[in-house]
Amino acid sequence: MVKDQEGEEMYRFSEDRVLREIKEWIDGTYSKHYSMNKIQSTEFVADAGHGEGFCIGNIIKYAQRYGKKNGHNREDVLKIIHYAIILLGIEYDKEEGSREFN
């Protein structure tokens, strides 16, 4: 880790700022059209046993269109990261046995 002039630790690629932006993005999805009655459509897909493939498919979709549709669209990268986080959450739930995601 890099340190600034005062000896404070800094991330080389502004990961702290990026993580804050990701959290804000994800928080915002719960108030947008992605959510209906506080349940995201991704939850319905995951509950049906298709969460892993759905997430991987969306990661691929947004990765392939990055730089093509609307240029280097920051939202595409945020969506990739969000679906990766959802995929990790599905894996956590499977490990803990708290939900029946596949």
PDB file of N, CA and C in Angstrom:
ATOM      1  N   MET A   1       0.845  -1.172   0.000  1.00  0.00           N
ATOM      2  CA  MET A   1       0.000   0.000   0.000  1.00  0.00           C
ATOM      3  C   MET A   1       0.889   1.233   0.000  1.00  0.00           C
ATOM      4  N   VAL A   2       0.465   2.263  -0.690  1.00  0.00           N
ATOM      5  CA  VAL A   2       1.196   3.519  -0.810  1.00  0.00           C
ATOM      6  C   VAL A   2       0.810   4.434   0.344  1.00  0.00           C
ATOM      7  N   LYS A   3       1.773   5.250   0.792  1.00  0.00           N
ATOM      8  CA  LYS A   3       1.486   6.226   1.849  1.00  0.00           C
ATOM      9  C   LYS A   3       1.639   7.623   1.291  1.00  0.00           C
ATOM     10  N   ASP A   4       0.783   8.547   1.756  1.00  0.00           N
ATOM     11  CA  ASP A   4       0.879   9.932   1.318  1.00  0.00           C
ATOM     12  C   ASP A   4       1.972  10.653   2.106  1.00  0.00           C
ATOM     13  N   GLN A   5       2.089  11.959   1.901  1.00  0.00           N
ATOM     14  CA  GLN A   5       3.157  12.731   2.532  1.00  0.00           C
ATOM     15  C   GLN A   5       3.064  12.739   4.055  1.00  0.00           C
ATOM     16  N   GLU A   6       1.874  12.579   4.575  1.00  0.00           N
ATOM     17  CA  GLU A   6       1.687  12.542   6.027  1.00  0.00           C
ATOM     18  C   GLU A   6       1.822  11.138   6.598  1.00  0.00           C
ATOM     19  N   GLY A   7       2.134  10.175   5.755  1.00  0.00           N
ATOM     20  CA  GLY A   7       2.293   8.804   6.205  1.00  0.00           C
ATOM     21  C   GLY A   7       0.993   8.016   6.263  1.00  0.00           C
ATOM     22  N   GLU A   8      -0.103   8.628   5.803  1.00  0.00           N
ATOM     23  CA  GLU A   8      -1.395   7.946   5.769  1.00  0.00           C
ATOM     24  C   GLU A   8      -1.410   6.953   4.610  1.00  0.00           C
ATOM     25  N   GLU A   9      -2.018   5.802   4.834  1.00  0.00           N
ATOM     26  CA  GLU A   9      -2.105   4.799   3.780  1.00  0.00           C
ATOM     27  C   GLU A   9      -3.095   5.232   2.708  1.00  0.00           C
ATOM     28  N   MET A  10      -2.707   5.020   1.458  1.00  0.00           N
ATOM     29  CA  MET A  10      -3.558   5.342   0.317  1.00  0.00           C
ATOM     30  C   MET A  10      -3.601   4.129  -0.601  1.00  0.00           C
ATOM     31  N   TYR A  11      -4.672   3.988  -1.301  1.00  0.00           N
ATOM     32  CA  TYR A  11      -4.760   2.944  -2.307  1.00  0.00           C
ATOM     33  C   TYR A  11      -4.194   3.479  -3.616  1.00  0.00           C
ATOM     34  N   ARG A  12      -3.465   2.666  -4.324  1.00  0.00           N
ATOM     35  CA  ARG A  12      -2.824   3.073  -5.578  1.00  0.00           C
ATOM     36  C   ARG A  12      -3.842   3.395  -6.661  1.00  0.00           C
ATOM     37  N   PHE A  13      -4.936   2.666  -6.710  1.00  0.00           N
ATOM     38  CA  PHE A  13      -5.937   2.863  -7.755  1.00  0.00           C
ATOM     39  C   PHE A  13      -7.243   3.423  -7.204  1.00  0.00           C
ATOM     40  N   SER A  14      -7.164   4.178  -6.129  1.00  0.00           N
ATOM     41  CA  SER A  14      -8.332   4.830  -5.522  1.00  0.00           C
ATOM     42  C   SER A  14      -9.419   3.839  -5.150  1.00  0.00           C
ATOM     43  N   GLU A  15      -9.010   2.657  -4.713  1.00  0.00           N
ATOM     44  CA  GLU A  15      -9.987   1.617  -4.383  1.00  0.00           C
ATOM     45  C   GLU A  15     -10.975   2.069  -3.325  1.00  0.00           C
ATOM     46  N   ASP A  16     -10.547   2.889  -2.387  1.00  0.00           N
ATOM     47  CA  ASP A  16     -11.463   3.379  -1.359  1.00  0.00           C
ATOM     48  C   ASP A  16     -12.576   4.202  -1.988  1.00  0.00           C
ATOM     49  N   ARG A  17     -12.236   5.060  -2.928  1.00  0.00           N
ATOM     50  CA  ARG A  17     -13.253   5.864  -3.627  1.00  0.00           C
ATOM     51  C   ARG A  17     -14.143   4.980  -4.481  1.00  0.00           C
ATOM     52  N   VAL A  18     -13.537   4.017  -5.151  1.00  0.00           N
ATOM     53  CA  VAL A  18     -14.292   3.104  -6.007  1.00  0.00           C
ATOM     54  C   VAL A  18     -15.298   2.316  -5.177  1.00  0.00           C
ATOM     55  N   LEU A  19     -14.870   1.811  -4.021  1.00  0.00           N
ATOM     56  CA  LEU A  19     -15.778   1.044  -3.161  1.00  0.00           C
ATOM     57  C   LEU A  19     -16.941   1.902  -2.678  1.00  0.00           C
ATOM     58  N   ARG A  20     -16.682   3.154  -2.364  1.00  0.00           N
ATOM     59  CA  ARG A  20     -17.781   4.056  -1.970  1.00  0.00           C
ATOM     60  C   ARG A  20     -18.751   4.253  -3.127  1.00  0.00           C
ATOM     61  N   GLU A  21     -18.208   4.440  -4.339  1.00  0.00           N
ATOM     62  CA  GLU A  21     -19.062   4.619  -5.510  1.00  0.00           C
ATOM     63  C   GLU A  21     -19.906   3.378  -5.771  1.00  0.00           C
ATOM     64  N   ILE A  22     -19.305   2.220  -5.634  1.00  0.00           N
ATOM     65  CA  ILE A  22     -20.041   0.970  -5.838  1.00  0.00           C
ATOM     66  C   ILE A  22     -21.180   0.854  -4.836  1.00  0.00           C
ATOM     67  N   LYS A  23     -20.901   1.162  -3.569  1.00  0.00           N
ATOM     68  CA  LYS A  23     -21.952   1.086  -2.548  1.00  0.00           C
ATOM     69  C   LYS A  23     -23.085   2.045  -2.871  1.00  0.00           C
ATOM     70  N   GLU A  24     -22.750   3.267  -3.270  1.00  0.00           N
ATOM     71  CA  GLU A  24     -23.784   4.237  -3.644  1.00  0.00           C
ATOM     72  C   GLU A  24     -24.598   3.737  -4.831  1.00  0.00           C
ATOM     73  N   TRP A  25     -23.921   3.153  -5.819  1.00  0.00           N
ATOM     74  CA  TRP A  25     -24.604   2.605  -7.003  1.00  0.00           C
ATOM     75  C   TRP A  25     -25.589   1.511  -6.585  1.00  0.00           C
ATOM     76  N   ILE A  26     -25.102   0.563  -5.789  1.00  0.00           N
ATOM     77  CA  ILE A  26     -25.945  -0.557  -5.361  1.00  0.00           C
ATOM     78  C   ILE A  26     -27.117  -0.048  -4.531  1.00  0.00           C
ATOM     79  N   ASP A  27     -26.851   0.852  -3.593  1.00  0.00           N
ATOM     80  CA  ASP A  27     -27.935   1.420  -2.783  1.00  0.00           C
ATOM     81  C   ASP A  27     -28.994   2.058  -3.683  1.00  0.00           C
ATOM     82  N   GLY A  28     -28.545   2.736  -4.743  1.00  0.00           N
ATOM     83  CA  GLY A  28     -29.473   3.389  -5.656  1.00  0.00           C
ATOM     84  C   GLY A  28     -30.328   2.423  -6.451  1.00  0.00           C
ATOM     85  N   THR A  29     -29.838   1.213  -6.686  1.00  0.00           N
ATOM     86  CA  THR A  29     -30.631   0.263  -7.471  1.00  0.00           C
ATOM     87  C   THR A  29     -31.888  -0.173  -6.728  1.00  0.00           C
ATOM     88  N   TYR A  30     -31.879  -0.061  -5.422  1.00  0.00           N
ATOM     89  CA  TYR A  30     -33.049  -0.472  -4.652  1.00  0.00           C
ATOM     90  C   TYR A  30     -34.179   0.542  -4.727  1.00  0.00           C
ATOM     91  N   SER A  31     -33.897   1.730  -5.244  1.00  0.00           N
ATOM     92  CA  SER A  31     -34.962   2.727  -5.382  1.00  0.00           C
ATOM     93  C   SER A  31     -35.313   2.974  -6.840  1.00  0.00           C
ATOM     94  N   LYS A  32     -34.647   2.267  -7.760  1.00  0.00           N
ATOM     95  CA  LYS A  32     -34.910   2.437  -9.191  1.00  0.00           C
ATOM     96  C   LYS A  32     -35.878   1.376  -9.686  1.00  0.00           C
ATOM     97  N   HIS A  33     -36.040   1.350 -10.989  1.00  0.00           N
ATOM     98  CA  HIS A  33     -36.958   0.393 -11.597  1.00  0.00           C
ATOM     99  C   HIS A  33     -36.488  -1.047 -11.440  1.00  0.00           C
ATOM    100  N   TYR A  34     -35.245  -1.274 -11.004  1.00  0.00           N
ATOM    101  CA  TYR A  34     -34.750  -2.638 -10.824  1.00  0.00           C
ATOM    102  C   TYR A  34     -35.442  -3.339  -9.662  1.00  0.00           C
ATOM    103  N   SER A  35     -36.092  -2.564  -8.832  1.00  0.00           N
ATOM    104  CA  SER A  35     -36.694  -3.133  -7.637  1.00  0.00           C
ATOM    105  C   SER A  35     -38.199  -2.896  -7.662  1.00  0.00           C
ATOM    106  N   MET A  36     -38.949  -3.923  -7.328  1.00  0.00           N
ATOM    107  CA  MET A  36     -40.391  -3.796  -7.272  1.00  0.00           C
ATOM    108  C   MET A  36     -40.825  -4.297  -5.902  1.00  0.00           C
ATOM    109  N   ASN A  37     -41.449  -3.448  -5.132  1.00  0.00           N
ATOM    110  CA  ASN A  37     -41.858  -3.790  -3.772  1.00  0.00           C
ATOM    111  C   ASN A  37     -40.665  -4.245  -2.932  1.00  0.00           C
ATOM    112  N   LYS A  38     -39.532  -3.572  -3.114  1.00  0.00           N
ATOM    113  CA  LYS A  38     -38.298  -3.832  -2.358  1.00  0.00           C
ATOM    114  C   LYS A  38     -37.674  -5.190  -2.679  1.00  0.00           C
ATOM    115  N   ILE A  39     -38.089  -5.838  -3.753  1.00  0.00           N
ATOM    116  CA  ILE A  39     -37.501  -7.107  -4.177  1.00  0.00           C
ATOM    117  C   ILE A  39     -36.967  -6.917  -5.590  1.00  0.00           C
ATOM    118  N   GLN A  40     -35.683  -7.145  -5.787  1.00  0.00           N
ATOM    119  CA  GLN A  40     -35.106  -7.022  -7.120  1.00  0.00           C
ATOM    120  C   GLN A  40     -35.494  -8.229  -7.964  1.00  0.00           C
ATOM    121  N   SER A  41     -35.622  -7.993  -9.250  1.00  0.00           N
ATOM    122  CA  SER A  41     -35.960  -9.109 -10.147  1.00  0.00           C
ATOM    123  C   SER A  41     -34.906 -10.207 -10.080  1.00  0.00           C
ATOM    124  N   THR A  42     -33.675  -9.839  -9.778  1.00  0.00           N
ATOM    125  CA  THR A  42     -32.603 -10.832  -9.638  1.00  0.00           C
ATOM    126  C   THR A  42     -32.941 -11.838  -8.553  1.00  0.00           C
ATOM    127  N   GLU A  43     -33.636 -11.402  -7.520  1.00  0.00           N
ATOM    128  CA  GLU A  43     -34.041 -12.319  -6.450  1.00  0.00           C
ATOM    129  C   GLU A  43     -34.990 -13.392  -6.971  1.00  0.00           C
ATOM    130  N   PHE A  44     -35.931 -12.995  -7.840  1.00  0.00           N
ATOM    131  CA  PHE A  44     -36.857 -13.973  -8.409  1.00  0.00           C
ATOM    132  C   PHE A  44     -36.099 -15.022  -9.226  1.00  0.00           C
ATOM    133  N   VAL A  45     -35.130 -14.548 -10.007  1.00  0.00           N
ATOM    134  CA  VAL A  45     -34.334 -15.458 -10.826  1.00  0.00           C
ATOM    135  C   VAL A  45     -33.528 -16.393  -9.924  1.00  0.00           C
ATOM    136  N   ALA A  46     -32.901 -15.847  -8.895  1.00  0.00           N
ATOM    137  CA  ALA A  46     -32.102 -16.660  -7.978  1.00  0.00           C
ATOM    138  C   ALA A  46     -32.977 -17.664  -7.235  1.00  0.00           C
ATOM    139  N   ASP A  47     -34.143 -17.224  -6.790  1.00  0.00           N
ATOM    140  CA  ASP A  47     -35.059 -18.132  -6.088  1.00  0.00           C
ATOM    141  C   ASP A  47     -35.508 -19.292  -6.975  1.00  0.00           C
ATOM    142  N   ALA A  48     -35.532 -19.053  -8.291  1.00  0.00           N
ATOM    143  CA  ALA A  48     -35.915 -20.107  -9.237  1.00  0.00           C
ATOM    144  C   ALA A  48     -34.753 -21.042  -9.541  1.00  0.00           C
ATOM    145  N   GLY A  49     -33.580 -20.767  -8.937  1.00  0.00           N
ATOM    146  CA  GLY A  49     -32.433 -21.643  -9.120  1.00  0.00           C
ATOM    147  C   GLY A  49     -31.514 -21.277 -10.265  1.00  0.00           C
ATOM    148  N   HIS A  50     -31.669 -20.056 -10.783  1.00  0.00           N
ATOM    149  CA  HIS A  50     -30.876 -19.649 -11.941  1.00  0.00           C
ATOM    150  C   HIS A  50     -29.961 -18.465 -11.645  1.00  0.00           C
ATOM    151  N   GLY A  51     -29.719 -18.180 -10.377  1.00  0.00           N
ATOM    152  CA  GLY A  51     -28.964 -16.999  -9.987  1.00  0.00           C
ATOM    153  C   GLY A  51     -27.543 -16.970 -10.502  1.00  0.00           C
ATOM    154  N   GLU A  52     -26.839 -18.086 -10.381  1.00  0.00           N
ATOM    155  CA  GLU A  52     -25.437 -18.116 -10.814  1.00  0.00           C
ATOM    156  C   GLU A  52     -25.307 -17.818 -12.304  1.00  0.00           C
ATOM    157  N   GLY A  53     -26.057 -18.524 -13.116  1.00  0.00           N
ATOM    158  CA  GLY A  53     -25.995 -18.310 -14.562  1.00  0.00           C
ATOM    159  C   GLY A  53     -26.457 -16.926 -14.959  1.00  0.00           C
ATOM    160  N   PHE A  54     -27.484 -16.417 -14.276  1.00  0.00           N
ATOM    161  CA  PHE A  54     -28.001 -15.078 -14.555  1.00  0.00           C
ATOM    162  C   PHE A  54     -26.919 -14.036 -14.294  1.00  0.00           C
ATOM    163  N   CYS A  55     -26.248 -14.157 -13.166  1.00  0.00           N
ATOM    164  CA  CYS A  55     -25.189 -13.201 -12.824  1.00  0.00           C
ATOM    165  C   CYS A  55     -24.029 -13.285 -13.806  1.00  0.00           C
ATOM    166  N   ILE A  56     -23.580 -14.491 -14.088  1.00  0.00           N
ATOM    167  CA  ILE A  56     -22.462 -14.664 -15.020  1.00  0.00           C
ATOM    168  C   ILE A  56     -22.838 -14.131 -16.403  1.00  0.00           C
ATOM    169  N   GLY A  57     -24.049 -14.416 -16.839  1.00  0.00           N
ATOM    170  CA  GLY A  57     -24.513 -13.910 -18.134  1.00  0.00           C
ATOM    171  C   GLY A  57     -24.526 -12.399 -18.194  1.00  0.00           C
ATOM    172  N   ASN A  58     -24.976 -11.759 -17.125  1.00  0.00           N
ATOM    173  CA  ASN A  58     -24.993 -10.299 -17.101  1.00  0.00           C
ATOM    174  C   ASN A  58     -23.585  -9.712 -17.010  1.00  0.00           C
ATOM    175  N   ILE A  59     -22.691 -10.366 -16.280  1.00  0.00           N
ATOM    176  CA  ILE A  59     -21.296  -9.913 -16.228  1.00  0.00           C
ATOM    177  C   ILE A  59     -20.707  -9.929 -17.635  1.00  0.00           C
ATOM    178  N   ILE A  60     -20.930 -11.016 -18.354  1.00  0.00           N
ATOM    179  CA  ILE A  60     -20.417 -11.140 -19.724  1.00  0.00           C
ATOM    180  C   ILE A  60     -21.045 -10.084 -20.626  1.00  0.00           C
ATOM    181  N   LYS A  61     -22.360  -9.911 -20.522  1.00  0.00           N
ATOM    182  CA  LYS A  61     -23.072  -8.944 -21.367  1.00  0.00           C
ATOM    183  C   LYS A  61     -22.499  -7.546 -21.194  1.00  0.00           C
ATOM    184  N   TYR A  62     -22.379  -7.097 -19.947  1.00  0.00           N
ATOM    185  CA  TYR A  62     -21.900  -5.734 -19.716  1.00  0.00           C
ATOM    186  C   TYR A  62     -20.414  -5.595 -20.018  1.00  0.00           C
ATOM    187  N   ALA A  63     -19.645  -6.641 -19.831  1.00  0.00           N
ATOM    188  CA  ALA A  63     -18.222  -6.586 -20.175  1.00  0.00           C
ATOM    189  C   ALA A  63     -18.041  -6.482 -21.694  1.00  0.00           C
ATOM    190  N   GLN A  64     -18.858  -7.213 -22.453  1.00  0.00           N
ATOM    191  CA  GLN A  64     -18.735  -7.178 -23.905  1.00  0.00           C
ATOM    192  C   GLN A  64     -19.195  -5.859 -24.500  1.00  0.00           C
ATOM    193  N   ARG A  65     -20.141  -5.195 -23.861  1.00  0.00           N
ATOM    194  CA  ARG A  65     -20.627  -3.945 -24.443  1.00  0.00           C
ATOM    195  C   ARG A  65     -19.843  -2.728 -23.961  1.00  0.00           C
ATOM    196  N   TYR A  66     -19.001  -2.905 -22.938  1.00  0.00           N
ATOM    197  CA  TYR A  66     -18.198  -1.789 -22.445  1.00  0.00           C
ATOM    198  C   TYR A  66     -17.306  -1.263 -23.567  1.00  0.00           C
ATOM    199  N   GLY A  67     -17.358   0.038 -23.774  1.00  0.00           N
ATOM    200  CA  GLY A  67     -16.570   0.662 -24.834  1.00  0.00           C
ATOM    201  C   GLY A  67     -17.275   0.693 -26.174  1.00  0.00           C
ATOM    202  N   LYS A  68     -18.399   0.010 -26.272  1.00  0.00           N
ATOM    203  CA  LYS A  68     -19.142  -0.028 -27.535  1.00  0.00           C
ATOM    204  C   LYS A  68     -20.424   0.788 -27.432  1.00  0.00           C
ATOM    205  N   LYS A  69     -21.291   0.441 -26.501  1.00  0.00           N
ATOM    206  CA  LYS A  69     -22.549   1.158 -26.328  1.00  0.00           C
ATOM    207  C   LYS A  69     -22.290   2.326 -25.382  1.00  0.00           C
ATOM    208  N   ASN A  70     -22.515   3.511 -25.866  1.00  0.00           N
ATOM    209  CA  ASN A  70     -22.283   4.737 -25.083  1.00  0.00           C
ATOM    210  C   ASN A  70     -20.824   4.887 -24.655  1.00  0.00           C
ATOM    211  N   GLY A  71     -19.910   4.402 -25.456  1.00  0.00           N
ATOM    212  CA  GLY A  71     -18.488   4.556 -25.161  1.00  0.00           C
ATOM    213  C   GLY A  71     -18.065   3.782 -23.930  1.00  0.00           C
ATOM    214  N   HIS A  72     -17.065   4.286 -23.248  1.00  0.00           N
ATOM    215  CA  HIS A  72     -16.590   3.643 -22.022  1.00  0.00           C
ATOM    216  C   HIS A  72     -17.510   4.062 -20.884  1.00  0.00           C
ATOM    217  N   ASN A  73     -18.652   3.424 -20.869  1.00  0.00           N
ATOM    218  CA  ASN A  73     -19.732   3.766 -19.963  1.00  0.00           C
ATOM    219  C   ASN A  73     -19.444   3.234 -18.557  1.00  0.00           C
ATOM    220  N   ARG A  74     -19.281   4.140 -17.623  1.00  0.00           N
ATOM    221  CA  ARG A  74     -18.993   3.803 -16.229  1.00  0.00           C
ATOM    222  C   ARG A  74     -20.071   2.880 -15.646  1.00  0.00           C
ATOM    223  N   GLU A  75     -21.316   3.079 -16.050  1.00  0.00           N
ATOM    224  CA  GLU A  75     -22.409   2.254 -15.529  1.00  0.00           C
ATOM    225  C   GLU A  75     -22.236   0.786 -15.897  1.00  0.00           C
ATOM    226  N   ASP A  76     -21.675   0.501 -17.067  1.00  0.00           N
ATOM    227  CA  ASP A  76     -21.429  -0.894 -17.437  1.00  0.00           C
ATOM    228  C   ASP A  76     -20.476  -1.547 -16.441  1.00  0.00           C
ATOM    229  N   VAL A  77     -19.434  -0.828 -16.058  1.00  0.00           N
ATOM    230  CA  VAL A  77     -18.471  -1.374 -15.098  1.00  0.00           C
ATOM    231  C   VAL A  77     -19.139  -1.565 -13.739  1.00  0.00           C
ATOM    232  N   LEU A  78     -19.946  -0.604 -13.324  1.00  0.00           N
ATOM    233  CA  LEU A  78     -20.652  -0.734 -12.048  1.00  0.00           C
ATOM    234  C   LEU A  78     -21.595  -1.927 -12.071  1.00  0.00           C
ATOM    235  N   LYS A  79     -22.255  -2.157 -13.187  1.00  0.00           N
ATOM    236  CA  LYS A  79     -23.149  -3.318 -13.306  1.00  0.00           C
ATOM    237  C   LYS A  79     -22.375  -4.625 -13.245  1.00  0.00           C
ATOM    238  N   ILE A  80     -21.212  -4.674 -13.892  1.00  0.00           N
ATOM    239  CA  ILE A  80     -20.369  -5.875 -13.827  1.00  0.00           C
ATOM    240  C   ILE A  80     -20.031  -6.186 -12.374  1.00  0.00           C
ATOM    241  N   ILE A  81     -19.586  -5.160 -11.663  1.00  0.00           N
ATOM    242  CA  ILE A  81     -19.187  -5.333 -10.269  1.00  0.00           C
ATOM    243  C   ILE A  81     -20.393  -5.733  -9.419  1.00  0.00           C
ATOM    244  N   HIS A  82     -21.534  -5.089  -9.664  1.00  0.00           N
ATOM    245  CA  HIS A  82     -22.737  -5.395  -8.883  1.00  0.00           C
ATOM    246  C   HIS A  82     -23.159  -6.853  -9.078  1.00  0.00           C
ATOM    247  N   TYR A  83     -23.164  -7.318 -10.327  1.00  0.00           N
ATOM    248  CA  TYR A  83     -23.541  -8.715 -10.554  1.00  0.00           C
ATOM    249  C   TYR A  83     -22.523  -9.673  -9.951  1.00  0.00           C
ATOM    250  N   ALA A  84     -21.251  -9.292  -9.935  1.00  0.00           N
ATOM    251  CA  ALA A  84     -20.235 -10.128  -9.289  1.00  0.00           C
ATOM    252  C   ALA A  84     -20.475 -10.190  -7.783  1.00  0.00           C
ATOM    253  N   ILE A  85     -20.859  -9.072  -7.187  1.00  0.00           N
ATOM    254  CA  ILE A  85     -21.161  -9.044  -5.754  1.00  0.00           C
ATOM    255  C   ILE A  85     -22.400  -9.881  -5.455  1.00  0.00           C
ATOM    256  N   ILE A  86     -23.416  -9.774  -6.300  1.00  0.00           N
ATOM    257  CA  ILE A  86     -24.613 -10.600  -6.121  1.00  0.00           C
ATOM    258  C   ILE A  86     -24.237 -12.076  -6.202  1.00  0.00           C
ATOM    259  N   LEU A  87     -23.378 -12.429  -7.163  1.00  0.00           N
ATOM    260  CA  LEU A  87     -22.932 -13.815  -7.299  1.00  0.00           C
ATOM    261  C   LEU A  87     -22.232 -14.285  -6.027  1.00  0.00           C
ATOM    262  N   LEU A  88     -21.370 -13.444  -5.466  1.00  0.00           N
ATOM    263  CA  LEU A  88     -20.729 -13.798  -4.196  1.00  0.00           C
ATOM    264  C   LEU A  88     -21.759 -13.975  -3.089  1.00  0.00           C
ATOM    265  N   GLY A  89     -22.762 -13.113  -3.072  1.00  0.00           N
ATOM    266  CA  GLY A  89     -23.830 -13.235  -2.079  1.00  0.00           C
ATOM    267  C   GLY A  89     -24.595 -14.541  -2.223  1.00  0.00           C
ATOM    268  N   ILE A  90     -24.844 -14.931  -3.449  1.00  0.00           N
ATOM    269  CA  ILE A  90     -25.514 -16.212  -3.701  1.00  0.00           C
ATOM    270  C   ILE A  90     -24.654 -17.351  -3.172  1.00  0.00           C
ATOM    271  N   GLU A  91     -23.352 -17.269  -3.409  1.00  0.00           N
ATOM    272  CA  GLU A  91     -22.438 -18.297  -2.898  1.00  0.00           C
ATOM    273  C   GLU A  91     -22.433 -18.321  -1.369  1.00  0.00           C
ATOM    274  N   TYR A  92     -22.427 -17.158  -0.736  1.00  0.00           N
ATOM    275  CA  TYR A  92     -22.500 -17.103   0.728  1.00  0.00           C
ATOM    276  C   TYR A  92     -23.770 -17.790   1.211  1.00  0.00           C
ATOM    277  N   ASP A  93     -24.895 -17.456   0.561  1.00  0.00           N
ATOM    278  CA  ASP A  93     -26.169 -18.039   0.975  1.00  0.00           C
ATOM    279  C   ASP A  93     -26.160 -19.557   0.815  1.00  0.00           C
ATOM    280  N   LYS A  94     -25.556 -20.048  -0.267  1.00  0.00           N
ATOM    281  CA  LYS A  94     -25.478 -21.494  -0.456  1.00  0.00           C
ATOM    282  C   LYS A  94     -24.630 -22.133   0.627  1.00  0.00           C
ATOM    283  N   GLU A  95     -23.506 -21.518   0.959  1.00  0.00           N
ATOM    284  CA  GLU A  95     -22.623 -22.049   1.995  1.00  0.00           C
ATOM    285  C   GLU A  95     -23.312 -22.078   3.351  1.00  0.00           C
ATOM    286  N   GLU A  96     -24.075 -21.037   3.623  1.00  0.00           N
ATOM    287  CA  GLU A  96     -24.750 -20.935   4.915  1.00  0.00           C
ATOM    288  C   GLU A  96     -26.078 -21.687   4.932  1.00  0.00           C
ATOM    289  N   GLY A  97     -26.529 -22.107   3.761  1.00  0.00           N
ATOM    290  CA  GLY A  97     -27.794 -22.827   3.672  1.00  0.00           C
ATOM    291  C   GLY A  97     -29.001 -21.979   3.991  1.00  0.00           C
ATOM    292  N   SER A  98     -28.832 -20.645   3.878  1.00  0.00           N
ATOM    293  CA  SER A  98     -29.920 -19.765   4.262  1.00  0.00           C
ATOM    294  C   SER A  98     -30.986 -19.611   3.192  1.00  0.00           C
ATOM    295  N   ARG A  99     -30.631 -19.862   1.906  1.00  0.00           N
ATOM    296  CA  ARG A  99     -31.599 -19.803   0.827  1.00  0.00           C
ATOM    297  C   ARG A  99     -31.269 -20.907  -0.151  1.00  0.00           C
ATOM    298  N   GLU A 100     -32.172 -21.219  -0.977  1.00  0.00           N
ATOM    299  CA  GLU A 100     -31.990 -22.316  -1.940  1.00  0.00           C
ATOM    300  C   GLU A 100     -31.555 -21.809  -3.310  1.00  0.00           C
ATOM    301  N   PHE A 101     -30.515 -20.980  -3.371  1.00  0.00           N
ATOM    302  CA  PHE A 101     -30.010 -20.498  -4.654  1.00  0.00           C
ATOM    303  C   PHE A 101     -29.133 -21.550  -5.289  1.00  0.00           C
ATOM    304  N   ASN A 102     -29.141 -21.587  -6.603  1.00  0.00           N
ATOM    305  CA  ASN A 102     -28.259 -22.463  -7.378  1.00  0.00           C
ATOM    306  C   ASN A 102     -27.417 -21.632  -8.308  1.00  0.00           C
TER     307      ASN A 102
END
